[in-house]
N, C-alpha and C. Protein backbone atom coordinates (compact mmCIF):
# COMPACT_ATOMS: atom_id res chain seq x y z
N MET A 1 0.82 -1.20 0.00
CA MET A 1 0.00 0.00 0.00
C MET A 1 0.87 1.26 0.00
N ILE A 2 1.87 1.31 0.89
CA ILE A 2 2.74 2.48 0.96
C ILE A 2 3.51 2.63 -0.34
N LYS A 3 3.96 1.50 -0.90
CA LYS A 3 4.68 1.55 -2.17
C LYS A 3 3.79 2.12 -3.27
N SER A 4 2.53 1.74 -3.31
CA SER A 4 1.59 2.25 -4.30
C SER A 4 1.37 3.75 -4.12
N LEU A 5 1.26 4.19 -2.86
CA LEU A 5 1.09 5.61 -2.59
C LEU A 5 2.32 6.41 -3.03
N MET A 6 3.50 5.86 -2.77
CA MET A 6 4.74 6.55 -3.16
C MET A 6 4.83 6.67 -4.68
N ILE A 7 4.51 5.61 -5.40
CA ILE A 7 4.55 5.63 -6.87
C ILE A 7 3.53 6.65 -7.38
N GLY A 8 2.35 6.67 -6.78
CA GLY A 8 1.31 7.64 -7.17
C GLY A 8 1.77 9.07 -6.93
N PHE A 9 2.41 9.32 -5.78
CA PHE A 9 2.90 10.66 -5.47
C PHE A 9 3.99 11.09 -6.45
N ILE A 10 4.91 10.20 -6.76
CA ILE A 10 5.97 10.51 -7.71
C ILE A 10 5.38 10.83 -9.08
N PHE A 11 4.41 10.04 -9.51
CA PHE A 11 3.76 10.28 -10.80
C PHE A 11 3.04 11.62 -10.79
N LEU A 12 2.30 11.90 -9.70
CA LEU A 12 1.56 13.14 -9.58
C LEU A 12 2.49 14.34 -9.57
N SER A 13 3.59 14.28 -8.81
CA SER A 13 4.51 15.42 -8.74
C SER A 13 5.20 15.65 -10.07
N GLY A 14 5.43 14.59 -10.83
CA GLY A 14 6.04 14.75 -12.16
C GLY A 14 5.09 15.35 -13.17
N SER A 15 3.79 15.23 -12.91
CA SER A 15 2.82 15.76 -13.88
C SER A 15 2.10 17.01 -13.37
N LEU A 16 2.53 17.56 -12.22
CA LEU A 16 1.90 18.76 -11.70
C LEU A 16 1.99 19.93 -12.67
N PHE A 17 3.07 19.98 -13.44
CA PHE A 17 3.28 21.08 -14.35
C PHE A 17 2.68 20.81 -15.73
N ALA A 18 2.14 19.64 -15.94
CA ALA A 18 1.60 19.29 -17.25
C ALA A 18 0.54 20.30 -17.68
N SER A 19 0.62 20.71 -18.91
CA SER A 19 -0.31 21.67 -19.51
C SER A 19 -0.27 23.04 -18.83
N GLU A 20 0.81 23.36 -18.19
CA GLU A 20 0.96 24.65 -17.53
C GLU A 20 1.76 25.59 -18.44
N SER A 21 1.30 26.82 -18.56
CA SER A 21 2.04 27.81 -19.35
C SER A 21 3.00 28.57 -18.45
N VAL A 22 4.24 28.65 -18.89
CA VAL A 22 5.28 29.37 -18.17
C VAL A 22 6.09 30.18 -19.18
N TYR A 23 7.00 31.02 -18.68
CA TYR A 23 7.80 31.90 -19.53
C TYR A 23 9.27 31.70 -19.23
N SER A 24 10.07 31.74 -20.25
CA SER A 24 11.52 31.61 -20.08
C SER A 24 12.06 32.92 -19.51
N SER A 25 12.85 32.81 -18.45
CA SER A 25 13.44 34.02 -17.85
C SER A 25 14.86 34.26 -18.34
N SER A 26 15.34 33.40 -19.23
CA SER A 26 16.68 33.55 -19.80
C SER A 26 16.71 32.90 -21.18
N VAL A 27 17.83 33.02 -21.85
CA VAL A 27 18.01 32.28 -23.10
C VAL A 27 18.23 30.82 -22.70
N LYS A 28 17.45 29.92 -23.28
CA LYS A 28 17.53 28.50 -22.92
C LYS A 28 17.79 27.65 -24.15
N ASP A 29 18.68 26.69 -23.99
CA ASP A 29 18.90 25.71 -25.06
C ASP A 29 17.68 24.81 -25.17
N ILE A 30 17.33 24.46 -26.41
CA ILE A 30 16.24 23.51 -26.63
C ILE A 30 16.76 22.35 -27.48
N PHE A 31 16.13 21.20 -27.31
CA PHE A 31 16.57 19.95 -27.92
C PHE A 31 15.39 19.24 -28.58
N THR A 32 15.68 18.36 -29.52
CA THR A 32 14.63 17.59 -30.19
C THR A 32 14.24 16.33 -29.41
N SER A 33 15.07 15.94 -28.44
CA SER A 33 14.76 14.75 -27.64
C SER A 33 15.15 14.99 -26.19
N PRO A 34 14.58 14.22 -25.25
CA PRO A 34 14.88 14.45 -23.84
C PRO A 34 16.33 14.16 -23.46
N ASP A 35 17.01 13.33 -24.24
CA ASP A 35 18.41 13.00 -23.94
C ASP A 35 19.39 13.79 -24.80
N GLY A 36 18.92 14.86 -25.43
CA GLY A 36 19.79 15.69 -26.28
C GLY A 36 20.95 16.28 -25.49
N LYS A 37 22.12 16.22 -26.05
CA LYS A 37 23.32 16.74 -25.39
C LYS A 37 23.78 18.06 -26.01
N ARG A 38 23.53 18.21 -27.30
CA ARG A 38 23.99 19.39 -28.03
C ARG A 38 22.78 20.25 -28.39
N SER A 39 22.86 21.54 -28.07
CA SER A 39 21.75 22.44 -28.33
C SER A 39 21.36 22.44 -29.81
N GLU A 40 20.05 22.37 -30.06
CA GLU A 40 19.55 22.39 -31.43
C GLU A 40 18.70 23.63 -31.69
N GLY A 41 18.69 24.51 -30.69
CA GLY A 41 17.96 25.76 -30.81
C GLY A 41 18.03 26.53 -29.51
N ARG A 42 17.49 27.75 -29.55
CA ARG A 42 17.48 28.58 -28.35
C ARG A 42 16.13 29.26 -28.19
N LEU A 43 15.65 29.22 -26.97
CA LEU A 43 14.41 29.88 -26.60
C LEU A 43 14.78 31.23 -25.99
N LEU A 44 14.10 32.29 -26.42
CA LEU A 44 14.42 33.63 -25.94
C LEU A 44 13.63 33.97 -24.68
N PRO A 45 14.16 34.90 -23.86
CA PRO A 45 13.46 35.29 -22.63
C PRO A 45 12.08 35.86 -22.93
N THR A 46 11.17 35.69 -22.02
CA THR A 46 9.77 36.10 -22.04
C THR A 46 8.92 35.27 -23.00
N SER A 47 9.51 34.26 -23.62
CA SER A 47 8.75 33.39 -24.52
C SER A 47 7.90 32.42 -23.72
N GLU A 48 6.65 32.31 -24.12
CA GLU A 48 5.71 31.42 -23.44
C GLU A 48 5.86 30.00 -23.97
N VAL A 49 5.87 29.05 -23.06
CA VAL A 49 5.88 27.64 -23.42
C VAL A 49 4.82 26.93 -22.59
N LYS A 50 4.30 25.87 -23.15
CA LYS A 50 3.33 25.03 -22.43
C LYS A 50 4.04 23.74 -22.05
N ILE A 51 4.11 23.46 -20.76
CA ILE A 51 4.78 22.25 -20.29
C ILE A 51 3.86 21.05 -20.48
N LEU A 52 4.37 20.04 -21.19
CA LEU A 52 3.61 18.81 -21.43
C LEU A 52 3.99 17.71 -20.46
N GLU A 53 5.30 17.61 -20.16
CA GLU A 53 5.81 16.59 -19.24
C GLU A 53 7.01 17.16 -18.50
N LYS A 54 7.24 16.62 -17.31
CA LYS A 54 8.41 16.99 -16.53
C LYS A 54 9.00 15.73 -15.94
N LYS A 55 10.31 15.51 -16.21
CA LYS A 55 10.94 14.29 -15.71
C LYS A 55 12.45 14.47 -15.66
N ASP A 56 13.05 14.11 -14.55
CA ASP A 56 14.50 14.10 -14.38
C ASP A 56 15.17 15.42 -14.75
N GLY A 57 14.57 16.52 -14.33
CA GLY A 57 15.17 17.84 -14.57
C GLY A 57 14.97 18.38 -15.97
N LYS A 58 14.20 17.67 -16.79
CA LYS A 58 13.92 18.12 -18.15
C LYS A 58 12.41 18.31 -18.30
N VAL A 59 12.04 19.16 -19.23
CA VAL A 59 10.62 19.34 -19.54
C VAL A 59 10.41 19.24 -21.04
N LYS A 60 9.29 18.63 -21.37
CA LYS A 60 8.85 18.60 -22.77
C LYS A 60 7.88 19.75 -22.91
N VAL A 61 8.10 20.61 -23.89
CA VAL A 61 7.29 21.82 -24.03
C VAL A 61 6.75 21.98 -25.44
N GLU A 62 5.68 22.74 -25.52
CA GLU A 62 5.16 23.21 -26.81
C GLU A 62 5.40 24.70 -26.88
N ILE A 63 5.90 25.14 -28.02
CA ILE A 63 6.16 26.55 -28.27
C ILE A 63 5.29 26.95 -29.45
N GLU A 64 4.40 27.89 -29.22
CA GLU A 64 3.52 28.35 -30.30
C GLU A 64 4.06 29.66 -30.85
N GLY A 65 4.01 29.80 -32.16
CA GLY A 65 4.49 31.02 -32.79
C GLY A 65 4.23 31.01 -34.27
N PHE A 66 5.00 31.80 -34.99
CA PHE A 66 4.81 31.95 -36.43
C PHE A 66 6.12 31.74 -37.16
N MET A 67 6.04 31.07 -38.31
CA MET A 67 7.20 30.87 -39.17
C MET A 67 6.93 31.53 -40.52
N LYS A 68 7.90 32.26 -40.98
CA LYS A 68 7.81 32.93 -42.27
C LYS A 68 8.07 31.91 -43.37
N ASP A 69 7.32 32.00 -44.46
CA ASP A 69 7.50 31.08 -45.57
C ASP A 69 8.95 31.10 -46.05
N GLY A 70 9.56 29.92 -46.12
CA GLY A 70 10.95 29.80 -46.59
C GLY A 70 12.00 29.96 -45.50
N VAL A 71 11.58 30.27 -44.26
CA VAL A 71 12.53 30.43 -43.14
C VAL A 71 12.17 29.40 -42.07
N SER A 72 12.91 28.29 -42.06
CA SER A 72 12.59 27.20 -41.13
C SER A 72 13.41 27.25 -39.84
N SER A 73 14.23 28.28 -39.68
CA SER A 73 15.10 28.33 -38.50
C SER A 73 14.68 29.38 -37.47
N ALA A 74 13.49 29.92 -37.62
CA ALA A 74 13.03 30.95 -36.67
C ALA A 74 11.55 30.82 -36.40
N VAL A 75 11.20 30.92 -35.12
CA VAL A 75 9.81 30.98 -34.69
C VAL A 75 9.62 32.37 -34.09
N TYR A 76 8.64 33.10 -34.63
CA TYR A 76 8.42 34.49 -34.22
C TYR A 76 7.20 34.63 -33.33
N PHE A 77 7.19 35.70 -32.55
CA PHE A 77 6.11 36.04 -31.62
C PHE A 77 4.81 36.37 -32.37
N THR A 78 4.94 37.07 -33.49
CA THR A 78 3.79 37.45 -34.29
C THR A 78 4.23 37.61 -35.75
N THR A 79 3.28 37.77 -36.64
CA THR A 79 3.62 37.91 -38.06
C THR A 79 4.14 39.30 -38.37
N GLY A 80 5.04 39.38 -39.35
CA GLY A 80 5.53 40.66 -39.84
C GLY A 80 6.46 41.42 -38.93
N LYS A 81 6.85 40.83 -37.82
CA LYS A 81 7.74 41.49 -36.85
C LYS A 81 8.94 40.58 -36.58
N ARG A 82 10.07 41.19 -36.23
CA ARG A 82 11.27 40.41 -35.94
C ARG A 82 11.41 40.16 -34.43
N ILE A 83 10.35 39.74 -33.81
CA ILE A 83 10.39 39.40 -32.38
C ILE A 83 10.57 37.89 -32.31
N LEU A 84 11.78 37.47 -32.06
CA LEU A 84 12.12 36.05 -32.09
C LEU A 84 11.68 35.36 -30.80
N THR A 85 10.96 34.26 -30.95
CA THR A 85 10.59 33.41 -29.82
C THR A 85 11.64 32.31 -29.65
N ALA A 86 12.02 31.68 -30.78
CA ALA A 86 13.02 30.62 -30.74
C ALA A 86 13.80 30.62 -32.05
N GLY A 87 15.10 30.43 -31.93
CA GLY A 87 15.96 30.24 -33.10
C GLY A 87 16.34 28.77 -33.16
N LEU A 88 16.28 28.18 -34.35
CA LEU A 88 16.51 26.75 -34.51
C LEU A 88 17.71 26.49 -35.41
N SER A 89 18.44 25.42 -35.09
CA SER A 89 19.52 24.97 -35.97
C SER A 89 18.91 24.51 -37.28
N LYS A 90 19.57 24.83 -38.38
CA LYS A 90 19.04 24.44 -39.69
C LYS A 90 18.98 22.93 -39.88
N LYS A 91 19.81 22.18 -39.16
CA LYS A 91 19.84 20.72 -39.30
C LYS A 91 18.92 20.01 -38.30
N ALA A 92 18.38 20.75 -37.34
CA ALA A 92 17.54 20.14 -36.31
C ALA A 92 16.23 19.63 -36.90
N LYS A 93 15.74 18.55 -36.35
CA LYS A 93 14.49 17.92 -36.81
C LYS A 93 13.42 18.00 -35.71
N PHE A 94 13.00 19.22 -35.40
CA PHE A 94 11.96 19.41 -34.40
C PHE A 94 10.61 18.97 -34.97
N ASP A 95 9.74 18.53 -34.06
CA ASP A 95 8.36 18.21 -34.42
C ASP A 95 7.62 19.54 -34.50
N ILE A 96 7.25 19.97 -35.72
CA ILE A 96 6.57 21.24 -35.93
C ILE A 96 5.26 20.98 -36.66
N ARG A 97 4.15 21.38 -36.03
CA ARG A 97 2.83 21.23 -36.63
C ARG A 97 2.32 22.60 -37.07
N THR A 98 1.80 22.66 -38.28
CA THR A 98 1.21 23.90 -38.77
C THR A 98 -0.26 23.93 -38.37
N ILE A 99 -0.68 25.03 -37.74
CA ILE A 99 -2.07 25.20 -37.32
C ILE A 99 -2.87 25.92 -38.41
N SER A 100 -2.26 26.97 -38.96
CA SER A 100 -2.94 27.73 -40.01
C SER A 100 -1.91 28.53 -40.80
N THR A 101 -2.33 29.08 -41.93
CA THR A 101 -1.46 29.94 -42.73
C THR A 101 -2.22 31.22 -43.07
N SER A 102 -1.45 32.29 -43.26
CA SER A 102 -2.05 33.57 -43.63
C SER A 102 -0.98 34.43 -44.30
N LYS A 103 -1.42 35.53 -44.90
CA LYS A 103 -0.50 36.48 -45.51
C LYS A 103 -0.59 37.79 -44.74
N ASP A 104 0.59 38.43 -44.56
CA ASP A 104 0.58 39.73 -43.90
C ASP A 104 0.26 40.83 -44.91
N LYS A 105 0.28 42.08 -44.46
CA LYS A 105 -0.11 43.20 -45.32
C LYS A 105 0.82 43.38 -46.52
N ASP A 106 2.02 42.80 -46.45
CA ASP A 106 2.97 42.87 -47.57
C ASP A 106 2.89 41.65 -48.49
N GLY A 107 1.95 40.75 -48.20
CA GLY A 107 1.77 39.57 -49.03
C GLY A 107 2.69 38.41 -48.68
N VAL A 108 3.41 38.52 -47.57
CA VAL A 108 4.31 37.45 -47.13
C VAL A 108 3.50 36.38 -46.41
N GLU A 109 3.73 35.12 -46.76
CA GLU A 109 2.98 34.02 -46.15
C GLU A 109 3.62 33.60 -44.83
N TRP A 110 2.78 33.41 -43.83
CA TRP A 110 3.20 32.99 -42.50
C TRP A 110 2.40 31.76 -42.09
N SER A 111 3.04 30.88 -41.35
CA SER A 111 2.35 29.72 -40.78
C SER A 111 2.34 29.85 -39.27
N LYS A 112 1.17 29.68 -38.67
CA LYS A 112 1.08 29.59 -37.21
C LYS A 112 1.44 28.15 -36.89
N VAL A 113 2.43 27.96 -36.01
CA VAL A 113 2.94 26.62 -35.74
C VAL A 113 2.99 26.32 -34.25
N VAL A 114 3.07 25.04 -33.95
CA VAL A 114 3.36 24.56 -32.61
C VAL A 114 4.57 23.66 -32.73
N LEU A 115 5.63 24.02 -32.03
CA LEU A 115 6.88 23.26 -32.04
C LEU A 115 6.99 22.51 -30.72
N THR A 116 7.34 21.24 -30.78
CA THR A 116 7.57 20.45 -29.57
C THR A 116 9.06 20.33 -29.36
N ALA A 117 9.52 20.61 -28.13
CA ALA A 117 10.96 20.59 -27.83
C ALA A 117 11.16 20.16 -26.39
N TYR A 118 12.40 19.98 -26.03
CA TYR A 118 12.80 19.65 -24.66
C TYR A 118 13.80 20.67 -24.18
N THR A 119 13.75 20.96 -22.88
CA THR A 119 14.70 21.87 -22.27
C THR A 119 14.83 21.52 -20.80
N THR A 120 15.73 22.18 -20.11
CA THR A 120 15.87 21.96 -18.67
C THR A 120 14.73 22.67 -17.95
N ASP A 121 14.43 22.22 -16.73
CA ASP A 121 13.28 22.79 -16.01
C ASP A 121 13.63 24.02 -15.17
N ASP A 122 14.80 24.61 -15.40
CA ASP A 122 15.18 25.82 -14.67
C ASP A 122 14.86 27.06 -15.50
N ASN A 123 14.92 28.22 -14.86
CA ASN A 123 14.69 29.51 -15.52
C ASN A 123 13.37 29.59 -16.27
N LEU A 124 12.34 29.03 -15.65
CA LEU A 124 10.98 29.12 -16.16
C LEU A 124 10.13 29.72 -15.05
N THR A 125 9.26 30.64 -15.39
CA THR A 125 8.45 31.31 -14.39
C THR A 125 7.02 31.49 -14.88
N LYS A 126 6.09 31.52 -13.93
CA LYS A 126 4.70 31.83 -14.26
C LYS A 126 4.48 33.34 -14.26
N ASP A 127 5.41 34.07 -13.65
CA ASP A 127 5.24 35.50 -13.39
C ASP A 127 5.87 36.36 -14.48
N LEU A 128 5.17 36.53 -15.58
CA LEU A 128 5.66 37.35 -16.69
C LEU A 128 5.76 38.82 -16.29
N SER A 129 4.84 39.27 -15.47
CA SER A 129 4.82 40.66 -15.04
C SER A 129 6.11 41.05 -14.32
N SER A 130 6.58 40.19 -13.40
CA SER A 130 7.84 40.49 -12.68
C SER A 130 9.04 40.46 -13.62
N LEU A 131 8.99 39.59 -14.60
CA LEU A 131 10.06 39.51 -15.60
C LEU A 131 10.12 40.81 -16.39
N TYR A 132 8.96 41.31 -16.80
CA TYR A 132 8.90 42.59 -17.52
C TYR A 132 9.35 43.75 -16.64
N LYS A 133 8.94 43.75 -15.37
CA LYS A 133 9.34 44.83 -14.45
C LYS A 133 10.85 44.85 -14.28
N SER A 134 11.45 43.68 -14.16
CA SER A 134 12.90 43.58 -14.03
C SER A 134 13.60 44.12 -15.28
N ALA A 135 13.09 43.74 -16.46
CA ALA A 135 13.67 44.19 -17.72
C ALA A 135 13.52 45.70 -17.87
N GLU A 136 12.36 46.22 -17.50
CA GLU A 136 12.12 47.66 -17.61
C GLU A 136 13.06 48.45 -16.69
N ALA A 137 13.23 47.96 -15.46
CA ALA A 137 14.14 48.63 -14.52
C ALA A 137 15.58 48.59 -15.04
N MET A 138 15.99 47.45 -15.57
CA MET A 138 17.33 47.31 -16.13
C MET A 138 17.53 48.29 -17.29
N TYR A 139 16.53 48.39 -18.15
CA TYR A 139 16.59 49.31 -19.28
C TYR A 139 16.74 50.75 -18.80
N LYS A 140 15.87 51.15 -17.89
CA LYS A 140 15.91 52.54 -17.39
C LYS A 140 17.19 52.84 -16.64
N ASP A 141 17.66 51.92 -15.80
CA ASP A 141 18.88 52.13 -15.03
C ASP A 141 20.12 52.26 -15.92
N ASN A 142 20.18 51.46 -16.96
CA ASN A 142 21.36 51.46 -17.82
C ASN A 142 21.32 52.51 -18.91
N CYS A 143 20.17 52.70 -19.50
CA CYS A 143 20.09 53.60 -20.65
C CYS A 143 19.92 55.06 -20.26
N SER A 144 19.56 55.33 -19.01
CA SER A 144 19.41 56.73 -18.60
C SER A 144 20.72 57.31 -18.06
N ILE A 145 21.78 56.54 -18.10
CA ILE A 145 23.09 57.05 -17.67
C ILE A 145 23.57 58.15 -18.61
N CYS A 146 23.39 57.93 -19.92
CA CYS A 146 23.87 58.89 -20.93
C CYS A 146 22.80 59.86 -21.40
N HIS A 147 21.56 59.45 -21.37
CA HIS A 147 20.46 60.27 -21.90
C HIS A 147 19.17 59.78 -21.28
N PRO A 148 18.11 60.59 -21.36
CA PRO A 148 16.83 60.09 -20.84
C PRO A 148 16.41 58.82 -21.60
N ALA A 149 15.93 57.84 -20.87
CA ALA A 149 15.48 56.59 -21.51
C ALA A 149 14.29 56.89 -22.41
N HIS A 150 14.33 56.34 -23.60
CA HIS A 150 13.22 56.51 -24.55
C HIS A 150 12.00 55.75 -24.04
N PRO A 151 10.81 56.28 -24.24
CA PRO A 151 9.61 55.53 -23.87
C PRO A 151 9.54 54.22 -24.68
N ASN A 152 8.99 53.19 -24.08
CA ASN A 152 8.87 51.88 -24.75
C ASN A 152 8.21 52.00 -26.11
N ASN A 153 7.22 52.88 -26.20
CA ASN A 153 6.43 52.98 -27.42
C ASN A 153 6.95 54.03 -28.40
N GLU A 154 8.19 54.46 -28.23
CA GLU A 154 8.76 55.43 -29.17
C GLU A 154 9.18 54.78 -30.48
N TYR A 155 9.58 53.51 -30.42
CA TYR A 155 10.06 52.81 -31.61
C TYR A 155 9.19 51.59 -31.89
N THR A 156 9.29 51.08 -33.11
CA THR A 156 8.56 49.86 -33.47
C THR A 156 9.34 48.64 -32.99
N SER A 157 8.68 47.51 -33.02
CA SER A 157 9.32 46.26 -32.59
C SER A 157 10.53 45.92 -33.46
N ASN A 158 10.51 46.30 -34.72
CA ASN A 158 11.64 46.02 -35.61
C ASN A 158 12.77 47.02 -35.45
N GLN A 159 12.52 48.18 -34.86
CA GLN A 159 13.57 49.18 -34.64
C GLN A 159 14.34 48.95 -33.34
N TRP A 160 13.68 48.43 -32.32
CA TRP A 160 14.32 48.30 -31.01
C TRP A 160 15.61 47.47 -31.01
N PRO A 161 15.69 46.32 -31.67
CA PRO A 161 16.93 45.54 -31.58
C PRO A 161 18.19 46.31 -32.01
N SER A 162 18.10 47.04 -33.11
CA SER A 162 19.30 47.79 -33.54
C SER A 162 19.60 48.95 -32.60
N MET A 163 18.55 49.56 -32.03
CA MET A 163 18.75 50.64 -31.05
C MET A 163 19.52 50.10 -29.83
N ILE A 164 19.07 48.98 -29.31
CA ILE A 164 19.72 48.40 -28.12
C ILE A 164 21.12 47.91 -28.46
N LYS A 165 21.27 47.27 -29.60
CA LYS A 165 22.59 46.76 -30.00
C LYS A 165 23.62 47.89 -30.12
N SER A 166 23.20 49.03 -30.64
CA SER A 166 24.14 50.13 -30.83
C SER A 166 24.57 50.78 -29.52
N MET A 167 23.78 50.61 -28.48
CA MET A 167 24.09 51.26 -27.20
C MET A 167 24.54 50.31 -26.09
N SER A 168 24.26 49.03 -26.22
CA SER A 168 24.47 48.11 -25.10
C SER A 168 25.92 48.00 -24.64
N ASN A 169 26.88 48.20 -25.54
CA ASN A 169 28.28 48.10 -25.12
C ASN A 169 28.70 49.26 -24.23
N ARG A 170 27.86 50.25 -24.08
CA ARG A 170 28.14 51.39 -23.19
C ARG A 170 27.51 51.21 -21.82
N THR A 171 26.91 50.05 -21.60
CA THR A 171 26.21 49.79 -20.34
C THR A 171 26.88 48.63 -19.60
N ALA A 172 26.37 48.36 -18.41
CA ALA A 172 26.86 47.23 -17.61
C ALA A 172 26.04 45.96 -17.85
N MET A 173 25.13 46.01 -18.84
CA MET A 173 24.28 44.85 -19.10
C MET A 173 25.07 43.70 -19.71
N THR A 174 24.78 42.50 -19.23
CA THR A 174 25.37 41.30 -19.81
C THR A 174 24.63 40.96 -21.10
N LYS A 175 25.13 40.00 -21.84
CA LYS A 175 24.47 39.55 -23.06
C LYS A 175 23.06 39.04 -22.74
N GLU A 176 22.93 38.29 -21.64
CA GLU A 176 21.62 37.79 -21.21
C GLU A 176 20.67 38.95 -20.91
N ASP A 177 21.19 39.98 -20.22
CA ASP A 177 20.38 41.15 -19.91
C ASP A 177 19.88 41.82 -21.19
N VAL A 178 20.75 41.93 -22.18
CA VAL A 178 20.40 42.57 -23.44
C VAL A 178 19.25 41.82 -24.13
N TYR A 179 19.32 40.49 -24.11
CA TYR A 179 18.23 39.69 -24.69
C TYR A 179 16.91 39.99 -23.99
N LEU A 180 16.93 40.00 -22.66
CA LEU A 180 15.72 40.24 -21.88
C LEU A 180 15.16 41.63 -22.15
N VAL A 181 16.01 42.65 -22.09
CA VAL A 181 15.57 44.03 -22.31
C VAL A 181 15.02 44.21 -23.72
N THR A 182 15.69 43.63 -24.70
CA THR A 182 15.23 43.73 -26.09
C THR A 182 13.85 43.11 -26.25
N GLN A 183 13.64 41.92 -25.67
CA GLN A 183 12.33 41.28 -25.75
C GLN A 183 11.26 42.15 -25.09
N PHE A 184 11.57 42.71 -23.94
CA PHE A 184 10.62 43.59 -23.25
C PHE A 184 10.26 44.78 -24.13
N LEU A 185 11.26 45.46 -24.68
CA LEU A 185 10.99 46.65 -25.49
C LEU A 185 10.23 46.31 -26.76
N GLN A 186 10.58 45.20 -27.40
CA GLN A 186 9.86 44.81 -28.62
C GLN A 186 8.39 44.51 -28.32
N LYS A 187 8.14 43.82 -27.23
CA LYS A 187 6.77 43.42 -26.90
C LYS A 187 5.95 44.55 -26.29
N HIS A 188 6.59 45.70 -26.05
CA HIS A 188 5.91 46.89 -25.55
C HIS A 188 6.14 48.08 -26.48
N SER A 189 6.47 47.80 -27.71
CA SER A 189 6.77 48.84 -28.69
C SER A 189 5.48 49.49 -29.20
N LYS A 190 5.64 50.53 -30.01
CA LYS A 190 4.44 51.25 -30.45
C LYS A 190 3.56 50.45 -31.39
N ASP A 191 4.11 49.42 -32.05
CA ASP A 191 3.27 48.63 -32.95
C ASP A 191 2.82 47.30 -32.34
N ILE A 192 3.20 47.03 -31.10
CA ILE A 192 2.75 45.80 -30.41
C ILE A 192 1.97 46.18 -29.16
N GLY A 193 2.62 46.88 -28.24
CA GLY A 193 1.94 47.37 -27.06
C GLY A 193 1.40 46.33 -26.11
N GLU A 194 2.11 45.18 -25.97
CA GLU A 194 1.66 44.14 -25.03
C GLU A 194 1.70 44.68 -23.61
N LYS A 195 0.72 44.36 -22.83
CA LYS A 195 0.67 44.82 -21.43
C LYS A 195 0.87 43.66 -20.48
């Protein structure tokens, strides 16, 4: 009886996170299989993933996003914008399902996809708001040293990455910090305005 209860508890604790949506708080390596040793892609900070399974320090996740026609190495946050959710190795064989297809205002075809991947179970959070607050504080603290920090909605999502890249070497931000701040600014830009 005790053995059955212990097995049930272990099974239950391993599946507590199943179907739970969480956000990456850092750049995370992703793999095509649970025993992957070499990174086959990278998940960007603030990217939402749905946990399907959790076992031995690894999680199987679904990543929903958009792929541009002819570009199989990038999953984007939305169509027509360069807000990267995940970058994939060109040789990687991820399980990618197409949900729908559409064309943007420029006639470019996009596919809404769900990618299945594996990653470690660290640096995942349910609290996107705190992640954004941390990124915003980092942005204001570092970028206001030389000049007043630009409002989030002053630039478009496609303009922010080059703005941050041109200035980041003048700050104390690490490469990881730059990724987080860039994602925050892109997702709160004048053409996205995520809250």
